[in-house]
Amino acid sequence: MSNQQFPRDGRHAVVIGAGIVGTCCALYLQREGLAVTLIDRDGPGEAASFGNAGALGLASVPPLGMPDTLWKAPKMLLDPMHPLVVRWGHLPKALPWFVQFIKSSQRSQAEAIADVRADLLGRVYDAYGLLLEDAGAKGLVHNSGLLMLFESERSRSDVEYGLNMRRRRGVKIEELSGDEAREMEPALGPLIERGVFFPEVSQVVNPLRLTQTFAQHFQVRGGTLRRETVKGFDMGPDGPKGVVTDVGRYDADLMVLAAGVWSKYLARQLGSRVLLEAERGYHTVLPRPGVDIRVPLVSEDRHVTFGPMEDGLRLTSMAEFADIDAPPDYARAERIFAAARELIPGLDAEGATQWVGSRPSTPDSLPVIGPSPRFANVFFAFGHGHLGLTLAALTGRIVADLIQERRPNIALGPLSPDRF
């Protein structure tokens, strides 16, 4: 663990949200010499960060909305095994989000979004390197690669556009036959006919422990961590001058809003209406799976991700659009396991645990990073969707650059809080 001394800035920043994004923001601001208070109603990493599949997704260039999304949507919504689910009672509330999602899915928009995502993803390892070194956490990240699986030539051809989208932006891709995929991952059963391997993807073996390690390092460095619920802001004549919680009030020269799906409601108090939806994901963890999975796997046919973790094998899937506090439908998690067992015979569910959490998702698959449109001392850092773990450290570095009035070498317009 590094003992590097940082300069003293003299300003106090409050970061709202102690998930992986907020914690990385706090660490990068601390490196700039600011006094930082990190506030969350839960412990560090206990919300959406807890349930992450674990991949640092350098191959995740394509957005969620692609040119073929519109004509595929009816089948998606009627297929109980498809990962896209909308609870119909929630649809009227989410309609503006879906309208923008359809617009963002047009070919020209999807290509432009892929350019931005590729630019961000190309900077991930550099941004994480500093934090992992400082916190002594390098052992939590393994360069494993990621293997995408197909059960037919048709399902492989269905993703050709997305693969070409990646190739054109420099993502390394290795095509495999079914036998070559089984040679790489012997646990796979006979259903797999094709594979695509992304060698540059890394796996975080415990996303919760990574966030907790970062948060502990933040406190060792003199940072303040508070487990409180943020209610709003203390507004002065020139804008917010403090953060109000269920326990008290914190003076702040600067504020960073990194509260995941809850950021929408706090941003609204600051006069900003952002298109942000709770995209709920489910996972099942098999503590003793009965097989040894060497590399993370993604099944394109069954929409299941297999993530080898410290505590077992994590099976993840689903993009369920529903109210944040809607009761979970754990039958979806059961379907995840059933689909997984078809691909890997012998999976053992004894002692399995289930989880549901809400990703903060924007309709254009890009995060919201930048200054508040109304207040110069407030910065937004949320809306990462499926890339929260992947882009957390880079987000922290961008926020630190903006606060120090350094221009990041990144196009910030597509990430702007008022882009919609």
Protein backbone atom coordinates (compact mmCIF):
# COMPACT_ATOMS: atom_id res chain seq x y z
CA MET A 1 0.00 0.00 0.00
CA SER A 2 1.45 3.35 -1.07
CA ASN A 3 2.49 6.00 1.45
CA GLN A 4 2.61 8.76 -1.15
CA GLN A 5 1.88 12.23 0.25
CA PHE A 6 -0.57 14.44 -1.64
CA PRO A 7 -0.62 18.26 -1.80
CA ARG A 8 -3.07 20.22 0.35
CA ASP A 9 -5.79 22.01 -1.59
CA GLY A 10 -7.74 23.61 1.22
CA ARG A 11 -11.20 22.91 -0.19
CA HIS A 12 -13.73 20.42 1.12
CA ALA A 13 -15.63 18.12 -1.24
CA VAL A 14 -18.61 15.94 -0.39
CA VAL A 15 -19.10 12.88 -2.59
CA ILE A 16 -22.62 11.46 -2.46
CA GLY A 17 -22.58 7.71 -3.09
CA ALA A 18 -20.04 5.12 -1.90
CA GLY A 19 -20.40 2.64 -4.72
CA ILE A 20 -17.36 1.94 -6.86
CA VAL A 21 -17.87 5.16 -8.88
CA GLY A 22 -18.24 7.46 -5.87
CA THR A 23 -15.38 5.80 -4.02
CA CYS A 24 -13.07 6.25 -7.00
CA CYS A 25 -14.13 9.90 -7.26
CA ALA A 26 -13.30 10.36 -3.58
CA LEU A 27 -9.85 8.78 -4.04
CA TYR A 28 -8.97 10.92 -7.05
CA LEU A 29 -10.08 14.11 -5.29
CA GLN A 30 -8.02 13.06 -2.30
CA ARG A 31 -5.00 12.69 -4.59
CA GLU A 32 -5.53 16.33 -5.55
CA GLY A 33 -5.25 17.38 -1.92
CA LEU A 34 -8.90 18.07 -1.18
CA ALA A 35 -10.49 17.16 2.13
CA VAL A 36 -13.20 14.68 1.16
CA THR A 37 -16.30 13.33 2.90
CA LEU A 38 -17.94 10.27 1.33
CA ILE A 39 -21.60 9.68 2.23
CA ASP A 40 -23.90 6.73 1.52
CA ARG A 41 -26.88 5.19 3.27
CA ASP A 42 -25.28 1.75 2.74
CA GLY A 43 -21.76 0.52 3.32
CA PRO A 44 -19.21 0.99 0.52
CA GLY A 45 -20.10 -1.10 -2.52
CA GLU A 46 -23.23 -2.66 -1.00
CA ALA A 47 -25.71 -1.52 -3.69
CA ALA A 48 -25.33 -2.04 -7.46
CA SER A 49 -21.55 -2.42 -7.16
CA PHE A 50 -22.09 -5.53 -5.05
CA GLY A 51 -23.82 -7.49 -7.79
CA ASN A 52 -21.53 -6.66 -10.70
CA ALA A 53 -20.50 -9.48 -13.03
CA GLY A 54 -16.89 -8.45 -12.37
CA ALA A 55 -15.57 -7.81 -15.88
CA LEU A 56 -13.57 -4.73 -16.76
CA GLY A 57 -15.33 -4.65 -20.09
CA LEU A 58 -12.83 -3.28 -22.55
CA ALA A 59 -14.76 -5.04 -25.33
CA SER A 60 -18.06 -3.39 -24.40
CA VAL A 61 -17.99 -0.91 -27.26
CA PRO A 62 -21.53 -1.49 -28.64
CA PRO A 63 -24.31 0.37 -26.81
CA LEU A 64 -27.33 -1.40 -25.38
CA GLY A 65 -29.48 0.06 -28.16
CA MET A 66 -28.39 -1.19 -31.59
CA PRO A 67 -29.87 -0.67 -35.09
CA ASP A 68 -31.78 -3.97 -34.94
CA THR A 69 -33.24 -3.28 -31.49
CA LEU A 70 -36.58 -1.90 -32.68
CA TRP A 71 -37.64 -4.90 -34.75
CA LYS A 72 -36.31 -7.31 -32.14
CA ALA A 73 -38.11 -5.59 -29.25
CA PRO A 74 -41.49 -7.39 -29.46
CA LYS A 75 -39.81 -10.80 -29.38
CA MET A 76 -37.58 -9.68 -26.52
CA LEU A 77 -40.50 -8.55 -24.41
CA LEU A 78 -42.53 -11.71 -25.02
CA ASP A 79 -39.65 -14.15 -24.45
CA PRO A 80 -39.45 -15.07 -20.72
CA MET A 81 -35.81 -16.09 -21.18
CA HIS A 82 -34.75 -12.82 -22.78
CA PRO A 83 -32.78 -10.47 -20.50
CA LEU A 84 -34.84 -7.39 -21.43
CA VAL A 85 -37.95 -7.20 -19.26
CA VAL A 86 -40.32 -4.29 -18.68
CA ARG A 87 -42.86 -4.40 -15.89
CA TRP A 88 -45.86 -2.98 -17.67
CA GLY A 89 -47.03 -0.88 -14.73
CA HIS A 90 -43.73 1.00 -14.88
CA LEU A 91 -43.83 1.69 -18.62
CA PRO A 92 -45.74 5.02 -18.51
CA LYS A 93 -43.11 6.46 -16.15
CA ALA A 94 -40.26 5.18 -18.30
CA LEU A 95 -41.77 6.17 -21.66
CA PRO A 96 -39.54 9.28 -22.19
CA TRP A 97 -36.50 7.08 -21.54
CA PHE A 98 -37.61 4.50 -24.11
CA VAL A 99 -38.39 7.15 -26.72
CA GLN A 100 -34.83 8.43 -26.42
CA PHE A 101 -33.53 4.85 -26.36
CA ILE A 102 -35.15 4.19 -29.75
CA LYS A 103 -33.62 7.39 -31.15
CA SER A 104 -30.21 6.41 -29.84
CA SER A 105 -30.53 2.98 -31.46
CA GLN A 106 -30.46 4.36 -35.01
CA ARG A 107 -27.33 3.36 -36.90
CA SER A 108 -25.71 6.79 -37.03
CA GLN A 109 -26.36 7.38 -33.33
CA ALA A 110 -25.19 3.89 -32.31
CA GLU A 111 -21.94 4.36 -34.26
CA ALA A 112 -21.31 7.76 -32.64
CA ILE A 113 -22.01 6.32 -29.18
CA ALA A 114 -19.62 3.43 -29.89
CA ASP A 115 -16.89 5.95 -30.70
CA VAL A 116 -17.33 7.59 -27.30
CA ARG A 117 -17.47 4.28 -25.45
CA ALA A 118 -14.33 3.05 -27.23
CA ASP A 119 -12.48 6.23 -26.27
CA LEU A 120 -13.47 5.81 -22.63
CA LEU A 121 -12.69 2.10 -22.53
CA GLY A 122 -9.22 2.67 -23.96
CA ARG A 123 -8.32 4.65 -20.83
CA VAL A 124 -9.63 2.25 -18.19
CA TYR A 125 -6.45 0.42 -17.20
CA ASP A 126 -4.38 3.59 -16.92
CA ALA A 127 -6.94 5.17 -14.59
CA TYR A 128 -7.27 2.05 -12.43
CA GLY A 129 -3.54 1.44 -12.23
CA LEU A 130 -2.89 4.37 -9.86
CA LEU A 131 -5.68 3.41 -7.46
CA LEU A 132 -4.88 -0.31 -7.42
CA GLU A 133 -1.21 0.42 -6.73
CA ASP A 134 -1.98 2.91 -3.95
CA ALA A 135 -4.49 0.64 -2.23
CA GLY A 136 -2.49 -2.57 -2.63
CA ALA A 137 -5.39 -4.11 -4.52
CA LYS A 138 -3.75 -5.39 -7.71
CA GLY A 139 -4.43 -8.99 -6.67
CA LEU A 140 -8.17 -8.42 -7.04
CA VAL A 141 -7.92 -7.92 -10.81
CA HIS A 142 -6.91 -10.76 -13.14
CA ASN A 143 -6.24 -10.49 -16.87
CA SER A 144 -8.52 -13.39 -17.77
CA GLY A 145 -10.05 -12.47 -21.12
CA LEU A 146 -13.72 -13.08 -21.89
CA LEU A 147 -15.23 -15.89 -23.97
CA MET A 148 -18.48 -15.29 -25.86
CA LEU A 149 -20.40 -18.51 -26.66
CA PHE A 150 -22.73 -19.47 -29.51
CA GLU A 151 -24.84 -22.59 -29.99
CA SER A 152 -25.30 -22.18 -33.76
CA GLU A 153 -23.89 -20.42 -36.79
CA ARG A 154 -27.03 -18.31 -36.85
CA SER A 155 -26.55 -16.94 -33.35
CA ARG A 156 -22.93 -16.20 -34.23
CA SER A 157 -23.96 -14.35 -37.40
CA ASP A 158 -26.53 -12.33 -35.41
CA VAL A 159 -23.71 -10.50 -33.56
CA GLU A 160 -21.56 -9.80 -36.64
CA TYR A 161 -22.47 -6.12 -36.70
CA GLY A 162 -21.48 -5.71 -33.04
CA LEU A 163 -18.22 -7.58 -33.55
CA ASN A 164 -17.35 -5.42 -36.55
CA MET A 165 -18.21 -2.36 -34.50
CA ARG A 166 -15.56 -3.50 -32.03
CA ARG A 167 -12.99 -4.43 -34.68
CA ARG A 168 -13.21 -1.02 -36.33
CA ARG A 169 -12.29 0.52 -32.99
CA GLY A 170 -9.31 -1.67 -32.25
CA VAL A 171 -10.76 -4.35 -29.97
CA LYS A 172 -8.79 -7.59 -30.22
CA ILE A 173 -10.99 -10.56 -31.17
CA GLU A 174 -10.13 -14.22 -31.66
CA GLU A 175 -12.58 -16.50 -33.50
CA LEU A 176 -12.89 -20.05 -32.14
CA SER A 177 -14.59 -23.25 -33.20
CA GLY A 178 -16.69 -25.11 -30.65
CA ASP A 179 -13.82 -27.52 -29.97
CA GLU A 180 -11.38 -24.64 -29.52
CA ALA A 181 -13.80 -23.01 -27.08
CA ARG A 182 -13.97 -26.26 -25.09
CA GLU A 183 -10.19 -26.50 -25.14
CA MET A 184 -10.04 -23.04 -23.59
CA GLU A 185 -12.85 -23.85 -21.14
CA PRO A 186 -13.15 -27.64 -20.62
CA ALA A 187 -16.27 -27.32 -18.46
CA LEU A 188 -18.37 -26.42 -21.50
CA GLY A 189 -20.80 -29.01 -22.75
CA PRO A 190 -21.41 -30.13 -26.36
CA LEU A 191 -23.96 -27.43 -27.28
CA ILE A 192 -21.32 -24.82 -28.08
CA GLU A 193 -20.55 -24.56 -31.81
CA ARG A 194 -18.63 -21.28 -31.97
CA GLY A 195 -16.76 -18.91 -29.67
CA VAL A 196 -15.30 -15.42 -29.73
CA PHE A 197 -12.52 -14.57 -27.29
CA PHE A 198 -11.66 -11.04 -26.11
CA PRO A 199 -8.14 -11.34 -24.65
CA GLU A 200 -7.90 -7.82 -23.19
CA VAL A 201 -10.81 -8.10 -20.75
CA SER A 202 -9.92 -8.45 -17.06
CA GLN A 203 -11.96 -9.89 -14.19
CA VAL A 204 -12.39 -8.39 -10.73
CA VAL A 205 -12.71 -11.43 -8.49
CA ASN A 206 -14.71 -9.60 -5.80
CA PRO A 207 -16.25 -6.21 -6.74
CA LEU A 208 -17.50 -5.65 -3.19
CA ARG A 209 -14.06 -6.27 -1.68
CA LEU A 210 -12.46 -3.97 -4.26
CA THR A 211 -14.81 -1.13 -3.29
CA GLN A 212 -14.30 -1.82 0.41
CA THR A 213 -10.52 -1.90 -0.04
CA PHE A 214 -10.62 1.44 -1.83
CA ALA A 215 -12.90 2.91 0.87
CA GLN A 216 -10.60 1.68 3.63
CA HIS A 217 -7.59 3.19 1.87
CA PHE A 218 -9.53 6.45 1.51
CA GLN A 219 -10.06 6.53 5.28
CA VAL A 220 -6.46 5.61 6.06
CA ARG A 221 -5.50 8.62 3.94
CA GLY A 222 -7.63 10.88 6.15
CA GLY A 223 -10.92 10.75 4.26
CA THR A 224 -14.23 10.79 6.13
CA LEU A 225 -16.83 8.09 5.49
CA ARG A 226 -20.38 8.59 6.74
CA ARG A 227 -23.21 6.05 6.59
CA GLU A 228 -26.15 8.44 6.30
CA THR A 229 -28.99 9.10 3.88
CA VAL A 230 -28.63 12.27 1.84
CA LYS A 231 -31.90 14.20 1.81
CA GLY A 232 -30.89 17.22 -0.23
CA PHE A 233 -28.86 20.40 -0.28
CA ASP A 234 -28.51 23.54 1.80
CA MET A 235 -29.11 26.24 -0.80
CA GLY A 236 -27.56 29.66 -0.50
CA PRO A 237 -28.10 32.74 -2.67
CA ASP A 238 -25.49 31.51 -5.16
CA GLY A 239 -26.39 27.83 -5.07
CA PRO A 240 -25.77 24.79 -2.86
CA LYS A 241 -23.34 25.33 -0.01
CA GLY A 242 -23.82 22.10 1.86
CA VAL A 243 -25.29 18.60 1.89
CA VAL A 244 -28.15 17.68 4.24
CA THR A 245 -28.55 14.11 5.53
CA ASP A 246 -30.89 12.36 7.94
CA VAL A 247 -28.27 12.98 10.61
CA GLY A 248 -26.97 16.48 9.98
CA ARG A 249 -25.45 18.93 7.53
CA TYR A 250 -22.03 19.09 5.86
CA ASP A 251 -20.49 22.28 4.55
CA ALA A 252 -19.02 21.76 1.09
CA ASP A 253 -17.06 23.87 -1.35
CA LEU A 254 -17.66 21.17 -3.97
CA MET A 255 -20.17 18.36 -4.35
CA VAL A 256 -20.05 15.23 -6.50
CA LEU A 257 -23.30 13.39 -7.17
CA ALA A 258 -22.48 9.69 -7.67
CA ALA A 259 -25.50 8.04 -6.07
CA GLY A 260 -26.41 5.62 -8.85
CA VAL A 261 -30.12 5.39 -9.60
CA TRP A 262 -30.91 7.77 -6.74
CA SER A 263 -28.94 10.51 -8.48
CA LYS A 264 -32.00 11.33 -10.60
CA TYR A 265 -33.95 12.57 -7.59
CA LEU A 266 -31.07 14.57 -6.12
CA ALA A 267 -30.25 16.09 -9.51
CA ARG A 268 -33.89 17.20 -9.78
CA GLN A 269 -33.44 19.21 -6.55
CA LEU A 270 -30.62 21.01 -8.37
CA GLY A 271 -32.84 21.85 -11.34
CA SER A 272 -31.62 19.08 -13.66
CA ARG A 273 -33.97 16.47 -15.12
CA VAL A 274 -31.89 13.58 -16.40
CA LEU A 275 -33.16 10.51 -18.25
CA LEU A 276 -32.09 7.81 -15.82
CA GLU A 277 -33.83 4.50 -15.23
CA ALA A 278 -33.34 1.68 -12.74
CA GLU A 279 -32.25 -1.22 -14.93
CA ARG A 280 -32.43 -4.08 -12.49
CA GLY A 281 -30.11 -7.04 -12.75
CA TYR A 282 -30.29 -10.43 -11.04
CA HIS A 283 -27.51 -12.77 -10.06
CA THR A 284 -27.09 -16.19 -8.51
CA VAL A 285 -23.86 -17.20 -6.77
CA LEU A 286 -22.94 -20.89 -6.61
CA PRO A 287 -20.48 -21.22 -3.70
CA ARG A 288 -19.47 -24.76 -4.72
CA PRO A 289 -20.34 -24.92 -8.41
CA GLY A 290 -18.86 -28.39 -8.91
CA VAL A 291 -16.80 -27.26 -11.91
CA ASP A 292 -13.75 -25.07 -12.30
CA ILE A 293 -14.45 -22.17 -14.68
CA ARG A 294 -11.19 -20.71 -15.98
CA VAL A 295 -12.42 -17.65 -17.88
CA PRO A 296 -15.54 -15.45 -17.70
CA LEU A 297 -18.19 -16.60 -20.17
CA VAL A 298 -21.11 -14.94 -21.95
CA SER A 299 -23.81 -17.04 -23.64
CA GLU A 300 -25.41 -15.12 -26.51
CA ASP A 301 -28.17 -17.72 -26.91
CA ARG A 302 -29.17 -17.96 -23.25
CA HIS A 303 -28.23 -14.44 -22.14
CA VAL A 304 -26.23 -15.60 -19.13
CA THR A 305 -22.83 -14.40 -17.93
CA PHE A 306 -20.56 -16.68 -15.88
CA GLY A 307 -18.14 -14.82 -13.62
CA PRO A 308 -15.54 -16.76 -11.57
CA MET A 309 -15.34 -15.06 -8.17
CA GLU A 310 -13.56 -15.52 -4.86
CA ASP A 311 -16.78 -16.77 -3.29
CA GLY A 312 -17.89 -19.06 -6.12
CA LEU A 313 -19.36 -18.80 -9.59
CA ARG A 314 -21.57 -15.77 -10.25
CA LEU A 315 -24.34 -16.15 -12.85
CA THR A 316 -25.77 -12.84 -14.01
CA SER A 317 -28.44 -11.75 -16.47
CA MET A 318 -31.47 -9.56 -16.97
CA ALA A 319 -32.24 -5.94 -17.67
CA GLU A 320 -35.53 -5.48 -15.85
CA PHE A 321 -37.08 -2.03 -15.99
CA ALA A 322 -39.20 -1.51 -12.90
CA ASP A 323 -39.65 0.82 -9.95
CA ILE A 324 -36.57 0.91 -7.74
CA ASP A 325 -38.51 -0.50 -4.78
CA ALA A 326 -40.53 -3.09 -6.74
CA PRO A 327 -40.36 -6.56 -5.15
CA PRO A 328 -37.84 -8.85 -6.86
CA ASP A 329 -38.97 -11.67 -9.12
CA TYR A 330 -36.50 -14.36 -8.12
CA ALA A 331 -38.03 -16.76 -10.63
CA ARG A 332 -35.81 -14.88 -13.10
CA ALA A 333 -32.74 -15.89 -11.11
CA GLU A 334 -33.95 -19.49 -11.18
CA ARG A 335 -34.16 -19.30 -14.98
CA ILE A 336 -30.60 -18.00 -15.07
CA PHE A 337 -29.38 -21.16 -13.33
CA ALA A 338 -31.48 -23.46 -15.51
CA ALA A 339 -30.04 -21.87 -18.65
CA ALA A 340 -26.50 -22.06 -17.27
CA ARG A 341 -26.81 -25.77 -16.47
CA GLU A 342 -27.73 -26.50 -20.09
CA LEU A 343 -24.33 -25.15 -21.13
CA ILE A 344 -22.26 -26.52 -18.26
CA PRO A 345 -23.58 -29.89 -17.11
CA GLY A 346 -22.94 -30.69 -13.51
CA LEU A 347 -23.36 -27.22 -12.03
CA ASP A 348 -24.21 -27.57 -8.36
CA ALA A 349 -26.74 -25.12 -6.87
CA GLU A 350 -26.32 -26.22 -3.23
CA GLY A 351 -25.98 -23.16 -0.99
CA ALA A 352 -26.79 -20.76 -3.86
CA THR A 353 -27.64 -17.16 -3.00
CA GLN A 354 -29.65 -14.72 -5.08
CA TRP A 355 -29.52 -10.94 -5.44
CA VAL A 356 -31.21 -8.13 -7.32
CA GLY A 357 -29.93 -4.58 -7.75
CA SER A 358 -30.52 -1.52 -9.89
CA ARG A 359 -28.07 -0.23 -12.47
CA PRO A 360 -28.34 3.49 -13.22
CA SER A 361 -28.93 3.45 -16.97
CA THR A 362 -29.22 6.21 -19.55
CA PRO A 363 -30.98 5.66 -22.89
CA ASP A 364 -27.82 6.25 -24.92
CA SER A 365 -25.58 3.88 -22.89
CA LEU A 366 -23.25 6.73 -21.91
CA PRO A 367 -22.65 7.95 -18.36
CA VAL A 368 -23.47 11.43 -17.09
CA ILE A 369 -20.15 13.04 -16.20
CA GLY A 370 -19.61 16.78 -15.93
CA PRO A 371 -20.55 19.97 -14.10
CA SER A 372 -24.13 20.68 -13.17
CA PRO A 373 -25.73 22.87 -15.83
CA ARG A 374 -26.82 25.32 -13.11
CA PHE A 375 -24.20 25.24 -10.36
CA ALA A 376 -20.45 25.46 -10.92
CA ASN A 377 -19.57 23.71 -7.65
CA VAL A 378 -21.62 20.56 -8.34
CA PHE A 379 -20.40 17.71 -10.54
CA PHE A 380 -22.39 14.74 -11.80
CA ALA A 381 -20.90 11.22 -12.01
CA PHE A 382 -23.61 8.61 -12.54
CA GLY A 383 -25.56 6.68 -15.18
CA HIS A 384 -22.88 4.11 -16.07
CA GLY A 385 -25.34 1.26 -16.70
CA HIS A 386 -23.41 -1.97 -17.25
CA LEU A 387 -20.03 -0.18 -17.10
CA GLY A 388 -20.00 1.15 -13.53
CA LEU A 389 -17.14 -1.06 -12.39
CA THR A 390 -15.31 -0.64 -15.69
CA LEU A 391 -15.42 3.16 -15.87
CA ALA A 392 -15.32 4.01 -12.16
CA ALA A 393 -11.66 4.96 -11.90
CA LEU A 394 -11.71 6.91 -15.17
CA THR A 395 -14.79 8.80 -13.96
CA GLY A 396 -12.94 9.74 -10.78
CA ARG A 397 -10.01 11.05 -12.79
CA ILE A 398 -12.27 13.07 -15.12
CA VAL A 399 -14.09 14.63 -12.16
CA ALA A 400 -10.78 15.52 -10.51
CA ASP A 401 -9.55 17.13 -13.74
CA LEU A 402 -12.72 19.19 -14.04
CA ILE A 403 -12.60 20.34 -10.44
CA GLN A 404 -8.97 21.39 -10.89
CA GLU A 405 -9.92 23.18 -14.13
CA ARG A 406 -7.82 20.85 -16.25
CA ARG A 407 -9.38 19.93 -19.56
CA PRO A 408 -9.55 16.13 -19.86
CA ASN A 409 -8.40 14.79 -23.20
CA ILE A 410 -11.90 13.36 -23.67
CA ALA A 411 -14.94 14.64 -25.56
CA LEU A 412 -17.24 15.63 -22.70
CA GLY A 413 -20.17 16.85 -24.81
CA PRO A 414 -21.67 13.35 -25.26
CA LEU A 415 -21.49 12.87 -21.46
CA SER A 416 -23.08 16.22 -20.60
CA PRO A 417 -25.86 16.18 -17.96
CA ASP A 418 -28.15 18.27 -20.20
CA ARG A 419 -27.57 16.39 -23.47
CA PHE A 420 -31.15 15.12 -23.59
